[in-house]
Amino acid sequence: SDVADFDGRSSLLYRFNQKLMSTLKDVISLKFKSMQGDGVLFHGEGQRGDHITLELQKGRLALYLNL
């Protein structure tokens, strides 16, 4: 696993190798602490317009998934 620290103005971009991608199951695990009640924690986009977004809204987690 990898660890990243963010200051509220930074982000991390990770691209999967398209040729090696043939999984049946993806696992995303996050542990976080935040002084802010609002913000995007995770966002991912696919080749065909698929996307997933996990964000804090007024201190509550919201998950948006579009397949």
PDB file of N, CA and C in Angstrom:
ATOM      1  N   SER A   1       0.836  -1.188   0.000  1.00  0.00           N
ATOM      2  CA  SER A   1       0.000   0.000   0.000  1.00  0.00           C
ATOM      3  C   SER A   1       0.874   1.241   0.000  1.00  0.00           C
ATOM      4  N   ASP A   2       0.285   2.348  -0.379  1.00  0.00           N
ATOM      5  CA  ASP A   2       0.992   3.624  -0.434  1.00  0.00           C
ATOM      6  C   ASP A   2       0.367   4.601   0.549  1.00  0.00           C
ATOM      7  N   VAL A   3       1.162   5.523   1.045  1.00  0.00           N
ATOM      8  CA  VAL A   3       0.689   6.549   1.967  1.00  0.00           C
ATOM      9  C   VAL A   3       0.948   7.912   1.337  1.00  0.00           C
ATOM     10  N   ALA A   4      -0.041   8.793   1.418  1.00  0.00           N
ATOM     11  CA  ALA A   4       0.111  10.148   0.885  1.00  0.00           C
ATOM     12  C   ALA A   4      -0.448  11.141   1.899  1.00  0.00           C
ATOM     13  N   ASP A   5       0.196  12.279   2.010  1.00  0.00           N
ATOM     14  CA  ASP A   5      -0.274  13.368   2.865  1.00  0.00           C
ATOM     15  C   ASP A   5      -0.672  14.537   1.974  1.00  0.00           C
ATOM     16  N   PHE A   6      -1.773  15.193   2.323  1.00  0.00           N
ATOM     17  CA  PHE A   6      -2.270  16.311   1.535  1.00  0.00           C
ATOM     18  C   PHE A   6      -2.506  17.508   2.438  1.00  0.00           C
ATOM     19  N   ASP A   7      -2.322  18.698   1.876  1.00  0.00           N
ATOM     20  CA  ASP A   7      -2.469  19.921   2.645  1.00  0.00           C
ATOM     21  C   ASP A   7      -3.777  20.652   2.355  1.00  0.00           C
ATOM     22  N   GLY A   8      -4.682  20.041   1.612  1.00  0.00           N
ATOM     23  CA  GLY A   8      -5.949  20.682   1.284  1.00  0.00           C
ATOM     24  C   GLY A   8      -5.943  21.373  -0.058  1.00  0.00           C
ATOM     25  N   ARG A   9      -4.769  21.555  -0.642  1.00  0.00           N
ATOM     26  CA  ARG A   9      -4.663  22.183  -1.960  1.00  0.00           C
ATOM     27  C   ARG A   9      -3.963  21.271  -2.956  1.00  0.00           C
ATOM     28  N   SER A  10      -3.594  20.058  -2.538  1.00  0.00           N
ATOM     29  CA  SER A  10      -2.845  19.161  -3.398  1.00  0.00           C
ATOM     30  C   SER A  10      -3.700  17.963  -3.804  1.00  0.00           C
ATOM     31  N   SER A  11      -3.204  17.221  -4.790  1.00  0.00           N
ATOM     32  CA  SER A  11      -3.912  16.023  -5.250  1.00  0.00           C
ATOM     33  C   SER A  11      -2.893  14.998  -5.734  1.00  0.00           C
ATOM     34  N   LEU A  12      -3.371  13.800  -6.003  1.00  0.00           N
ATOM     35  CA  LEU A  12      -2.536  12.706  -6.459  1.00  0.00           C
ATOM     36  C   LEU A  12      -3.187  12.096  -7.684  1.00  0.00           C
ATOM     37  N   LEU A  13      -2.448  11.916  -8.766  1.00  0.00           N
ATOM     38  CA  LEU A  13      -2.966  11.310  -9.988  1.00  0.00           C
ATOM     39  C   LEU A  13      -2.310   9.951 -10.160  1.00  0.00           C
ATOM     40  N   TYR A  14      -3.119   8.913 -10.358  1.00  0.00           N
ATOM     41  CA  TYR A  14      -2.623   7.560 -10.571  1.00  0.00           C
ATOM     42  C   TYR A  14      -3.322   6.977 -11.781  1.00  0.00           C
ATOM     43  N   ARG A  15      -2.564   6.492 -12.732  1.00  0.00           N
ATOM     44  CA  ARG A  15      -3.136   5.878 -13.931  1.00  0.00           C
ATOM     45  C   ARG A  15      -2.823   4.388 -13.935  1.00  0.00           C
ATOM     46  N   PHE A  16      -3.860   3.573 -14.184  1.00  0.00           N
ATOM     47  CA  PHE A  16      -3.671   2.137 -14.319  1.00  0.00           C
ATOM     48  C   PHE A  16      -3.066   1.831 -15.681  1.00  0.00           C
ATOM     49  N   ASN A  17      -2.253   0.795 -15.756  1.00  0.00           N
ATOM     50  CA  ASN A  17      -1.719   0.329 -17.020  1.00  0.00           C
ATOM     51  C   ASN A  17      -2.841  -0.413 -17.754  1.00  0.00           C
ATOM     52  N   GLN A  18      -3.315   0.138 -18.848  1.00  0.00           N
ATOM     53  CA  GLN A  18      -4.468  -0.404 -19.572  1.00  0.00           C
ATOM     54  C   GLN A  18      -4.236  -1.843 -20.050  1.00  0.00           C
ATOM     55  N   LYS A  19      -3.031  -2.178 -20.462  1.00  0.00           N
ATOM     56  CA  LYS A  19      -2.755  -3.506 -21.008  1.00  0.00           C
ATOM     57  C   LYS A  19      -2.754  -4.586 -19.934  1.00  0.00           C
ATOM     58  N   LEU A  20      -2.427  -4.216 -18.713  1.00  0.00           N
ATOM     59  CA  LEU A  20      -2.367  -5.188 -17.627  1.00  0.00           C
ATOM     60  C   LEU A  20      -3.666  -5.258 -16.833  1.00  0.00           C
ATOM     61  N   MET A  21      -4.635  -4.451 -17.181  1.00  0.00           N
ATOM     62  CA  MET A  21      -5.870  -4.358 -16.406  1.00  0.00           C
ATOM     63  C   MET A  21      -6.833  -5.484 -16.788  1.00  0.00           C
ATOM     64  N   SER A  22      -7.023  -6.430 -15.899  1.00  0.00           N
ATOM     65  CA  SER A  22      -8.002  -7.500 -16.136  1.00  0.00           C
ATOM     66  C   SER A  22      -8.468  -8.065 -14.795  1.00  0.00           C
ATOM     67  N   THR A  23      -8.890  -7.191 -13.906  1.00  0.00           N
ATOM     68  CA  THR A  23      -9.326  -7.625 -12.593  1.00  0.00           C
ATOM     69  C   THR A  23     -10.834  -7.821 -12.559  1.00  0.00           C
ATOM     70  N   LEU A  24     -11.275  -8.670 -11.666  1.00  0.00           N
ATOM     71  CA  LEU A  24     -12.698  -8.876 -11.447  1.00  0.00           C
ATOM     72  C   LEU A  24     -13.179  -8.065 -10.254  1.00  0.00           C
ATOM     73  N   LYS A  25     -12.230  -7.648  -9.411  1.00  0.00           N
ATOM     74  CA  LYS A  25     -12.596  -6.943  -8.191  1.00  0.00           C
ATOM     75  C   LYS A  25     -11.523  -5.914  -7.858  1.00  0.00           C
ATOM     76  N   ASP A  26     -11.950  -4.700  -7.571  1.00  0.00           N
ATOM     77  CA  ASP A  26     -11.040  -3.654  -7.119  1.00  0.00           C
ATOM     78  C   ASP A  26     -11.380  -3.312  -5.679  1.00  0.00           C
ATOM     79  N   VAL A  27     -10.372  -3.100  -4.855  1.00  0.00           N
ATOM     80  CA  VAL A  27     -10.566  -2.747  -3.459  1.00  0.00           C
ATOM     81  C   VAL A  27      -9.897  -1.402  -3.206  1.00  0.00           C
ATOM     82  N   ILE A  28     -10.669  -0.468  -2.669  1.00  0.00           N
ATOM     83  CA  ILE A  28     -10.143   0.834  -2.295  1.00  0.00           C
ATOM     84  C   ILE A  28     -10.354   0.988  -0.796  1.00  0.00           C
ATOM     85  N   SER A  29      -9.278   1.260  -0.072  1.00  0.00           N
ATOM     86  CA  SER A  29      -9.357   1.414   1.371  1.00  0.00           C
ATOM     87  C   SER A  29      -8.760   2.764   1.740  1.00  0.00           C
ATOM     88  N   LEU A  30      -9.501   3.552   2.511  1.00  0.00           N
ATOM     89  CA  LEU A  30      -9.030   4.870   2.911  1.00  0.00           C
ATOM     90  C   LEU A  30      -9.128   5.035   4.419  1.00  0.00           C
ATOM     91  N   LYS A  31      -8.116   5.639   4.993  1.00  0.00           N
ATOM     92  CA  LYS A  31      -8.163   6.108   6.370  1.00  0.00           C
ATOM     93  C   LYS A  31      -7.808   7.579   6.295  1.00  0.00           C
ATOM     94  N   PHE A  32      -8.595   8.421   6.922  1.00  0.00           N
ATOM     95  CA  PHE A  32      -8.311   9.839   6.809  1.00  0.00           C
ATOM     96  C   PHE A  32      -8.746  10.594   8.054  1.00  0.00           C
ATOM     97  N   LYS A  33      -8.121  11.730   8.244  1.00  0.00           N
ATOM     98  CA  LYS A  33      -8.498  12.704   9.254  1.00  0.00           C
ATOM     99  C   LYS A  33      -8.589  14.033   8.523  1.00  0.00           C
ATOM    100  N   SER A  34      -9.549  14.838   8.909  1.00  0.00           N
ATOM    101  CA  SER A  34      -9.710  16.117   8.236  1.00  0.00           C
ATOM    102  C   SER A  34     -10.146  17.190   9.220  1.00  0.00           C
ATOM    103  N   MET A  35      -9.596  18.353   9.044  1.00  0.00           N
ATOM    104  CA  MET A  35     -10.021  19.511   9.819  1.00  0.00           C
ATOM    105  C   MET A  35     -11.162  20.237   9.098  1.00  0.00           C
ATOM    106  N   GLN A  36     -11.422  19.846   7.856  1.00  0.00           N
ATOM    107  CA  GLN A  36     -12.455  20.460   7.036  1.00  0.00           C
ATOM    108  C   GLN A  36     -13.679  19.562   6.973  1.00  0.00           C
ATOM    109  N   GLY A  37     -14.852  20.143   6.866  1.00  0.00           N
ATOM    110  CA  GLY A  37     -16.087  19.378   6.766  1.00  0.00           C
ATOM    111  C   GLY A  37     -16.517  19.106   5.343  1.00  0.00           C
ATOM    112  N   ASP A  38     -15.872  19.753   4.379  1.00  0.00           N
ATOM    113  CA  ASP A  38     -16.225  19.599   2.971  1.00  0.00           C
ATOM    114  C   ASP A  38     -14.973  19.379   2.134  1.00  0.00           C
ATOM    115  N   GLY A  39     -15.081  18.494   1.129  1.00  0.00           N
ATOM    116  CA  GLY A  39     -13.966  18.282   0.211  1.00  0.00           C
ATOM    117  C   GLY A  39     -14.009  16.928  -0.445  1.00  0.00           C
ATOM    118  N   VAL A  40     -13.359  16.809  -1.592  1.00  0.00           N
ATOM    119  CA  VAL A  40     -13.272  15.547  -2.330  1.00  0.00           C
ATOM    120  C   VAL A  40     -12.145  14.713  -1.736  1.00  0.00           C
ATOM    121  N   LEU A  41     -12.451  13.460  -1.364  1.00  0.00           N
ATOM    122  CA  LEU A  41     -11.450  12.548  -0.824  1.00  0.00           C
ATOM    123  C   LEU A  41     -10.869  11.655  -1.905  1.00  0.00           C
ATOM    124  N   PHE A  42     -11.732  11.233  -2.843  1.00  0.00           N
ATOM    125  CA  PHE A  42     -11.313  10.311  -3.890  1.00  0.00           C
ATOM    126  C   PHE A  42     -12.159  10.552  -5.125  1.00  0.00           C
ATOM    127  N   HIS A  43     -11.518  10.590  -6.290  1.00  0.00           N
ATOM    128  CA  HIS A  43     -12.245  10.700  -7.551  1.00  0.00           C
ATOM    129  C   HIS A  43     -11.514   9.874  -8.594  1.00  0.00           C
ATOM    130  N   GLY A  44     -12.246   9.052  -9.331  1.00  0.00           N
ATOM    131  CA  GLY A  44     -11.666   8.242 -10.395  1.00  0.00           C
ATOM    132  C   GLY A  44     -12.574   8.243 -11.611  1.00  0.00           C
ATOM    133  N   GLU A  45     -11.951   8.222 -12.800  1.00  0.00           N
ATOM    134  CA  GLU A  45     -12.696   8.210 -14.051  1.00  0.00           C
ATOM    135  C   GLU A  45     -12.217   7.081 -14.938  1.00  0.00           C
ATOM    136  N   GLY A  46     -13.159   6.473 -15.663  1.00  0.00           N
ATOM    137  CA  GLY A  46     -12.843   5.415 -16.612  1.00  0.00           C
ATOM    138  C   GLY A  46     -12.809   5.931 -18.034  1.00  0.00           C
ATOM    139  N   GLN A  47     -12.522   5.032 -18.971  1.00  0.00           N
ATOM    140  CA  GLN A  47     -12.403   5.385 -20.380  1.00  0.00           C
ATOM    141  C   GLN A  47     -13.747   5.709 -21.023  1.00  0.00           C
ATOM    142  N   ARG A  48     -14.836   5.174 -20.510  1.00  0.00           N
ATOM    143  CA  ARG A  48     -16.146   5.311 -21.142  1.00  0.00           C
ATOM    144  C   ARG A  48     -17.093   6.223 -20.358  1.00  0.00           C
ATOM    145  N   GLY A  49     -16.545   7.159 -19.615  1.00  0.00           N
ATOM    146  CA  GLY A  49     -17.375   8.086 -18.861  1.00  0.00           C
ATOM    147  C   GLY A  49     -17.757   7.606 -17.480  1.00  0.00           C
ATOM    148  N   ASP A  50     -17.318   6.400 -17.098  1.00  0.00           N
ATOM    149  CA  ASP A  50     -17.569   5.904 -15.741  1.00  0.00           C
ATOM    150  C   ASP A  50     -16.807   6.777 -14.752  1.00  0.00           C
ATOM    151  N   HIS A  51     -17.381   6.999 -13.576  1.00  0.00           N
ATOM    152  CA  HIS A  51     -16.636   7.723 -12.550  1.00  0.00           C
ATOM    153  C   HIS A  51     -17.155   7.371 -11.162  1.00  0.00           C
ATOM    154  N   ILE A  52     -16.268   7.584 -10.205  1.00  0.00           N
ATOM    155  CA  ILE A  52     -16.587   7.374  -8.790  1.00  0.00           C
ATOM    156  C   ILE A  52     -16.001   8.551  -8.013  1.00  0.00           C
ATOM    157  N   THR A  53     -16.782   9.086  -7.083  1.00  0.00           N
ATOM    158  CA  THR A  53     -16.330  10.201  -6.268  1.00  0.00           C
ATOM    159  C   THR A  53     -16.748   9.965  -4.822  1.00  0.00           C
ATOM    160  N   LEU A  54     -15.823  10.116  -3.908  1.00  0.00           N
ATOM    161  CA  LEU A  54     -16.094  10.043  -2.480  1.00  0.00           C
ATOM    162  C   LEU A  54     -15.735  11.404  -1.901  1.00  0.00           C
ATOM    163  N   GLU A  55     -16.694  12.031  -1.241  1.00  0.00           N
ATOM    164  CA  GLU A  55     -16.428  13.358  -0.709  1.00  0.00           C
ATOM    165  C   GLU A  55     -17.107  13.589   0.629  1.00  0.00           C
ATOM    166  N   LEU A  56     -16.597  14.573   1.341  1.00  0.00           N
ATOM    167  CA  LEU A  56     -17.201  15.023   2.590  1.00  0.00           C
ATOM    168  C   LEU A  56     -18.116  16.199   2.276  1.00  0.00           C
ATOM    169  N   GLN A  57     -19.332  16.136   2.793  1.00  0.00           N
ATOM    170  CA  GLN A  57     -20.287  17.233   2.658  1.00  0.00           C
ATOM    171  C   GLN A  57     -20.849  17.526   4.040  1.00  0.00           C
ATOM    172  N   LYS A  58     -20.451  18.653   4.597  1.00  0.00           N
ATOM    173  CA  LYS A  58     -20.866  19.037   5.942  1.00  0.00           C
ATOM    174  C   LYS A  58     -20.554  17.949   6.972  1.00  0.00           C
ATOM    175  N   GLY A  59     -19.382  17.330   6.832  1.00  0.00           N
ATOM    176  CA  GLY A  59     -18.926  16.319   7.775  1.00  0.00           C
ATOM    177  C   GLY A  59     -19.459  14.916   7.535  1.00  0.00           C
ATOM    178  N   ARG A  60     -20.250  14.721   6.477  1.00  0.00           N
ATOM    179  CA  ARG A  60     -20.788  13.395   6.168  1.00  0.00           C
ATOM    180  C   ARG A  60     -20.201  12.886   4.856  1.00  0.00           C
ATOM    181  N   LEU A  61     -19.972  11.574   4.788  1.00  0.00           N
ATOM    182  CA  LEU A  61     -19.444  10.973   3.570  1.00  0.00           C
ATOM    183  C   LEU A  61     -20.544  10.827   2.521  1.00  0.00           C
ATOM    184  N   ALA A  62     -20.212  11.149   1.280  1.00  0.00           N
ATOM    185  CA  ALA A  62     -21.123  10.959   0.156  1.00  0.00           C
ATOM    186  C   ALA A  62     -20.369  10.216  -0.939  1.00  0.00           C
ATOM    187  N   LEU A  63     -20.963   9.153  -1.469  1.00  0.00           N
ATOM    188  CA  LEU A  63     -20.369   8.357  -2.537  1.00  0.00           C
ATOM    189  C   LEU A  63     -21.220   8.502  -3.784  1.00  0.00           C
ATOM    190  N   TYR A  64     -20.581   8.893  -4.888  1.00  0.00           N
ATOM    191  CA  TYR A  64     -21.255   9.007  -6.176  1.00  0.00           C
ATOM    192  C   TYR A  64     -20.609   8.019  -7.124  1.00  0.00           C
ATOM    193  N   LEU A  65     -21.421   7.170  -7.734  1.00  0.00           N
ATOM    194  CA  LEU A  65     -20.932   6.134  -8.618  1.00  0.00           C
ATOM    195  C   LEU A  65     -21.746   6.151  -9.898  1.00  0.00           C
ATOM    196  N   ASN A  66     -21.070   6.301 -11.034  1.00  0.00           N
ATOM    197  CA  ASN A  66     -21.742   6.305 -12.325  1.00  0.00           C
ATOM    198  C   ASN A  66     -21.073   5.267 -13.212  1.00  0.00           C
ATOM    199  N   LEU A  67     -21.800   4.207 -13.539  1.00  0.00           N
ATOM    200  CA  LEU A  67     -21.284   3.173 -14.411  1.00  0.00           C
ATOM    201  C   LEU A  67     -21.974   3.260 -15.743  1.00  0.00           C
TER     202      LEU A  67
END
